[in-house]
Amino acid sequence: VQLQASGGGSVQPGGSLRLSCTASGTVASTNIMGWYRQAPGRQREWVAASTSNGGSSYRDSVKGRFTISRDNVQTTVYLQMSDLKTEDTAVYYCNFREWTTKRDYWGQGTQVTVSS
């Protein structure tokens, strides 16, 4: 599985960005696609996840501000980020996990900077 992420950038606090990540190759139909982020000097942390059967979940700090979704063929995942805060600044990584094997695949990371 190869993951191609895009959509990062720089915005002011309160702004919005949308990240995209497309999976290609041999994509297991039962999977979890999601986003993690890593700020400078901090460990990578989970942000949001979308399951292939329609479920979604979020870390508490982004609930109500971020929305994760998928396209109809279930190979692209989006992260709509609104009301961005300076503490959302990080490199965001797309993750694909095969449900049965629990094998993880990672995208290349895209920078999100929230600054006034």
Protein backbone atom coordinates (compact mmCIF):
# COMPACT_ATOMS: atom_id res chain seq x y z
CA VAL A 1 0.00 0.00 0.00
CA GLN A 2 1.28 3.43 -0.93
CA LEU A 3 -0.15 6.58 0.60
CA GLN A 4 -0.03 10.01 -0.98
CA ALA A 5 -0.98 12.90 1.27
CA SER A 6 -1.56 16.52 0.36
CA GLY A 7 -3.24 19.68 1.54
CA GLY A 8 -1.05 21.11 4.25
CA GLY A 9 -0.14 24.77 4.48
CA SER A 10 -0.07 27.85 6.64
CA VAL A 11 -3.13 29.56 8.06
CA GLN A 12 -4.00 32.04 10.76
CA PRO A 13 -5.77 30.93 13.93
CA GLY A 14 -9.41 30.28 13.20
CA GLY A 15 -8.68 29.28 9.63
CA SER A 16 -9.38 26.04 7.82
CA LEU A 17 -7.46 23.45 5.83
CA ARG A 18 -8.35 20.14 4.25
CA LEU A 19 -5.91 17.25 4.08
CA SER A 20 -6.27 14.39 1.62
CA CYS A 21 -4.65 10.98 1.52
CA THR A 22 -5.07 8.41 -1.23
CA ALA A 23 -4.16 4.76 -0.87
CA SER A 24 -2.99 2.76 -3.87
CA GLY A 25 -1.64 -0.70 -4.52
CA THR A 26 -3.10 -3.79 -2.90
CA VAL A 27 -5.61 -2.15 -0.59
CA ALA A 28 -7.37 -4.40 1.90
CA SER A 29 -11.10 -3.73 1.82
CA THR A 30 -11.42 -3.91 5.60
CA ASN A 31 -9.25 -1.21 7.04
CA ILE A 32 -8.82 1.89 9.15
CA MET A 33 -7.55 5.08 7.60
CA GLY A 34 -6.60 7.98 9.76
CA TRP A 35 -4.34 10.83 10.66
CA TYR A 36 -1.59 11.30 13.20
CA ARG A 37 0.47 14.40 13.88
CA GLN A 38 3.83 15.23 15.34
CA ALA A 39 4.79 18.64 16.64
CA PRO A 40 8.45 19.63 17.13
CA GLY A 41 9.89 17.99 20.23
CA ARG A 42 6.79 15.89 20.84
CA GLN A 43 5.75 12.33 20.17
CA ARG A 44 3.50 11.44 17.30
CA GLU A 45 -0.13 11.44 18.40
CA TRP A 46 -3.31 10.05 16.94
CA VAL A 47 -5.79 12.63 15.61
CA ALA A 48 -8.70 10.89 13.89
CA ALA A 49 -9.67 7.61 12.26
CA SER A 50 -12.21 6.32 9.78
CA THR A 51 -13.14 2.66 9.49
CA SER A 52 -14.14 1.01 6.23
CA ASN A 53 -17.52 0.12 7.76
CA GLY A 54 -18.39 3.77 8.34
CA GLY A 55 -17.17 4.54 11.83
CA SER A 56 -15.11 7.54 12.87
CA SER A 57 -13.38 8.75 15.98
CA TYR A 58 -11.37 11.77 17.15
CA ARG A 59 -9.02 12.80 19.87
CA ASP A 60 -10.75 15.07 22.36
CA SER A 61 -8.83 18.22 21.45
CA VAL A 62 -10.10 18.22 17.86
CA LYS A 63 -13.70 17.10 18.39
CA GLY A 64 -16.11 19.59 16.90
CA ARG A 65 -13.37 21.20 14.80
CA PHE A 66 -12.05 18.36 12.61
CA THR A 67 -14.08 16.05 10.40
CA ILE A 68 -12.76 12.87 8.82
CA SER A 69 -14.44 11.40 5.76
CA ARG A 70 -13.82 9.08 2.82
CA ASP A 71 -14.62 9.05 -0.86
CA ASN A 72 -17.10 6.59 -2.32
CA VAL A 73 -14.49 4.00 -3.31
CA GLN A 74 -13.02 4.13 0.18
CA THR A 75 -9.44 4.72 -0.91
CA THR A 76 -9.16 8.42 -0.14
CA VAL A 77 -9.53 9.88 3.31
CA TYR A 78 -9.99 13.56 4.05
CA LEU A 79 -9.45 15.58 7.17
CA GLN A 80 -11.36 18.85 7.18
CA MET A 81 -9.83 21.07 9.85
CA SER A 82 -11.68 24.16 10.99
CA ASP A 83 -11.14 26.72 13.74
CA LEU A 84 -7.47 25.85 13.71
CA LYS A 85 -5.40 26.72 16.75
CA THR A 86 -1.68 27.31 17.13
CA GLU A 87 -1.44 24.02 19.01
CA ASP A 88 -2.59 22.20 15.86
CA THR A 89 0.73 23.07 14.23
CA ALA A 90 2.48 19.81 13.34
CA VAL A 91 3.44 17.48 10.56
CA TYR A 92 0.36 15.41 9.79
CA TYR A 93 0.78 11.79 8.71
CA CYS A 94 -1.75 9.62 6.96
CA ASN A 95 -2.05 6.08 8.27
CA PHE A 96 -3.57 2.95 6.74
CA ARG A 97 -4.08 -0.12 8.91
CA GLU A 98 -5.19 -3.47 7.60
CA TRP A 99 -7.94 -4.72 9.86
CA THR A 100 -7.01 -8.41 9.81
CA THR A 101 -3.20 -8.19 9.92
CA LYS A 102 -2.93 -4.90 11.87
CA ARG A 103 -0.13 -3.92 9.50
CA ASP A 104 0.44 -0.16 9.31
CA TYR A 105 1.40 1.95 6.33
CA TRP A 106 2.36 5.63 6.50
CA GLY A 107 2.23 8.56 4.16
CA GLN A 108 5.06 11.04 3.78
CA GLY A 109 3.72 13.74 6.11
CA THR A 110 2.37 17.18 5.31
CA GLN A 111 3.11 20.33 7.31
CA VAL A 112 0.30 22.31 8.91
CA THR A 113 1.29 25.64 10.45
CA VAL A 114 -1.16 27.80 12.36
CA SER A 115 0.29 31.18 13.18
CA SER A 116 -0.71 34.81 13.33
